[in-house]
């Protein structure tokens, strides 16, 4: 199945608020969802053999880093991300959110799950305590 057919079937299953176009080896799916600073959440899909993969290509973790939240892999940071991923049946590996499906008919659902996980992971910034900077003479 070519990328144009994939885009058409994905858009048919999840609606016209999404945009889908080919970018290199990926199909970029622009979602109507936003990060807390109003950046658009884009997802990417590719055929990886016998599975189709939907991923954020690490954009959510990059977005968090630009907002000064360092993802150090501590248990305290990993637990809420693991809960979010388990809730949406999405994987988090090396800062990348992704879901794999076997057929094009399941792609719409995978796009929605990864997008929701990206939103919830980005909202961790709102609940993460920040250290105050103290200027000493």
Protein backbone atom coordinates (compact mmCIF):
# COMPACT_ATOMS: atom_id res chain seq x y z
CA UNK A 1 0.00 0.00 0.00
CA UNK A 2 1.44 3.39 -0.94
CA UNK A 3 1.65 6.41 1.37
CA UNK A 4 -1.24 8.24 -0.31
CA UNK A 5 -3.55 5.30 0.44
CA UNK A 6 -2.28 5.16 4.03
CA UNK A 7 -2.97 8.87 4.49
CA UNK A 8 -6.45 8.58 3.03
CA UNK A 9 -7.38 5.66 5.29
CA UNK A 10 -5.92 7.30 8.40
CA UNK A 11 -7.77 10.56 7.75
CA UNK A 12 -10.99 8.67 7.08
CA UNK A 13 -10.70 6.93 10.45
CA UNK A 14 -9.69 9.91 12.63
CA UNK A 15 -11.19 12.92 10.89
CA UNK A 16 -10.42 15.94 8.81
CA UNK A 17 -8.85 17.94 11.67
CA UNK A 18 -5.67 15.97 10.98
CA UNK A 19 -3.32 16.56 8.05
CA UNK A 20 -1.24 13.84 6.48
CA UNK A 21 1.67 14.11 4.04
CA UNK A 22 4.78 12.23 3.06
CA UNK A 23 8.13 13.43 4.46
CA UNK A 24 11.09 11.27 3.55
CA UNK A 25 10.67 7.74 4.86
CA UNK A 26 7.82 8.86 7.15
CA UNK A 27 4.28 10.04 6.77
CA UNK A 28 3.84 13.16 8.93
CA UNK A 29 0.50 13.40 10.65
CA UNK A 30 -0.21 16.91 11.92
CA UNK A 31 -2.68 16.62 14.77
CA UNK A 32 -5.08 19.27 16.08
CA UNK A 33 -3.48 18.77 19.51
CA UNK A 34 -1.07 21.21 21.10
CA UNK A 35 1.71 21.18 23.66
CA UNK A 36 1.06 23.54 26.61
CA UNK A 37 2.88 26.41 24.82
CA UNK A 38 0.66 25.95 21.72
CA UNK A 39 3.25 24.09 19.59
CA UNK A 40 1.46 21.61 17.33
CA UNK A 41 1.95 17.92 18.05
CA UNK A 42 3.15 16.18 14.90
CA UNK A 43 3.37 12.40 14.70
CA UNK A 44 5.11 10.22 12.16
CA UNK A 45 4.20 6.87 10.67
CA UNK A 46 6.29 4.37 8.76
CA UNK A 47 6.16 0.80 7.66
CA UNK A 48 8.76 -1.17 9.62
CA UNK A 49 8.44 -4.58 8.05
CA UNK A 50 5.42 -6.50 9.27
CA UNK A 51 4.32 -3.64 11.58
CA UNK A 52 3.36 -0.02 11.14
CA UNK A 53 4.86 2.37 13.65
CA UNK A 54 3.44 5.67 14.90
CA UNK A 55 5.97 7.82 16.75
CA UNK A 56 6.64 11.36 17.93
CA UNK A 57 10.33 10.93 16.94
CA UNK A 58 11.29 12.24 20.38
CA UNK A 59 9.59 15.62 19.92
CA UNK A 60 7.81 15.42 23.27
CA UNK A 61 11.03 14.89 25.20
CA UNK A 62 12.73 17.62 23.12
CA UNK A 63 9.84 19.94 23.92
CA UNK A 64 10.24 19.19 27.63
CA UNK A 65 13.97 19.93 27.45
CA UNK A 66 13.26 23.32 25.87
CA UNK A 67 10.98 24.05 28.80
CA UNK A 68 13.90 23.32 31.20
CA UNK A 69 12.67 19.92 32.39
CA UNK A 70 15.60 17.51 32.20
CA UNK A 71 14.65 13.89 31.71
CA UNK A 72 17.36 12.09 33.65
CA UNK A 73 15.76 8.68 33.77
CA UNK A 74 15.24 8.75 37.52
CA UNK A 75 12.60 6.47 39.00
CA UNK A 76 10.68 9.53 40.17
CA UNK A 77 10.42 10.81 36.59
CA UNK A 78 10.02 7.41 34.96
CA UNK A 79 7.04 6.27 37.03
CA UNK A 80 4.47 8.81 35.74
CA UNK A 81 5.70 8.38 32.16
CA UNK A 82 5.38 4.60 32.49
CA UNK A 83 1.84 5.02 33.87
CA UNK A 84 0.86 7.30 30.98
CA UNK A 85 2.29 4.88 28.43
CA UNK A 86 0.60 1.86 30.02
CA UNK A 87 -2.71 3.73 30.08
CA UNK A 88 -2.50 4.47 26.34
CA UNK A 89 -0.78 1.23 25.26
CA UNK A 90 2.22 3.25 24.03
CA UNK A 91 5.94 2.63 24.51
CA UNK A 92 8.55 5.14 25.72
CA UNK A 93 12.05 4.18 24.64
CA UNK A 94 15.00 6.58 24.91
CA UNK A 95 12.66 9.58 24.99
CA UNK A 96 10.56 8.49 22.02
CA UNK A 97 6.85 7.70 22.22
CA UNK A 98 5.67 5.04 19.80
CA UNK A 99 2.99 2.47 19.12
CA UNK A 100 3.06 -0.39 16.64
CA UNK A 101 0.10 -1.90 14.84
CA UNK A 102 -0.32 -4.70 12.34
CA UNK A 103 -2.75 -3.11 9.87
CA UNK A 104 -3.57 0.26 8.36
CA UNK A 105 -7.05 -0.04 9.86
CA UNK A 106 -5.50 0.26 13.34
CA UNK A 107 -3.40 3.35 12.55
CA UNK A 108 -6.06 5.90 13.46
CA UNK A 109 -6.34 4.46 16.94
CA UNK A 110 -2.56 4.38 17.33
CA UNK A 111 -2.29 8.04 16.26
CA UNK A 112 -4.83 9.05 18.90
CA UNK A 113 -3.08 7.00 21.61
CA UNK A 114 0.37 8.44 20.88
CA UNK A 115 -1.03 11.98 20.67
CA UNK A 116 -2.79 11.63 24.03
CA UNK A 117 0.37 10.23 25.60
CA UNK A 118 2.37 13.18 24.20
CA UNK A 119 -0.11 15.63 25.72
CA UNK A 120 -0.03 13.96 29.11
CA UNK A 121 3.77 13.60 29.21
CA UNK A 122 4.13 17.29 28.28
CA UNK A 123 1.80 18.19 31.15
CA UNK A 124 4.29 16.65 33.59
CA UNK A 125 6.04 20.01 33.37
CA UNK A 126 3.05 21.56 35.14
CA UNK A 127 3.31 19.18 38.11
CA UNK A 128 7.11 18.95 38.39
CA UNK A 129 8.52 21.06 41.22
CA UNK A 130 11.10 23.57 40.11
CA UNK A 131 14.08 24.66 42.19
CA UNK A 132 14.31 28.34 43.00
CA UNK A 133 17.51 30.10 42.08
CA UNK A 134 19.09 32.06 44.88
CA UNK A 135 21.60 34.80 44.18
CA UNK A 136 24.26 34.86 46.85
CA UNK A 137 26.46 37.87 47.42
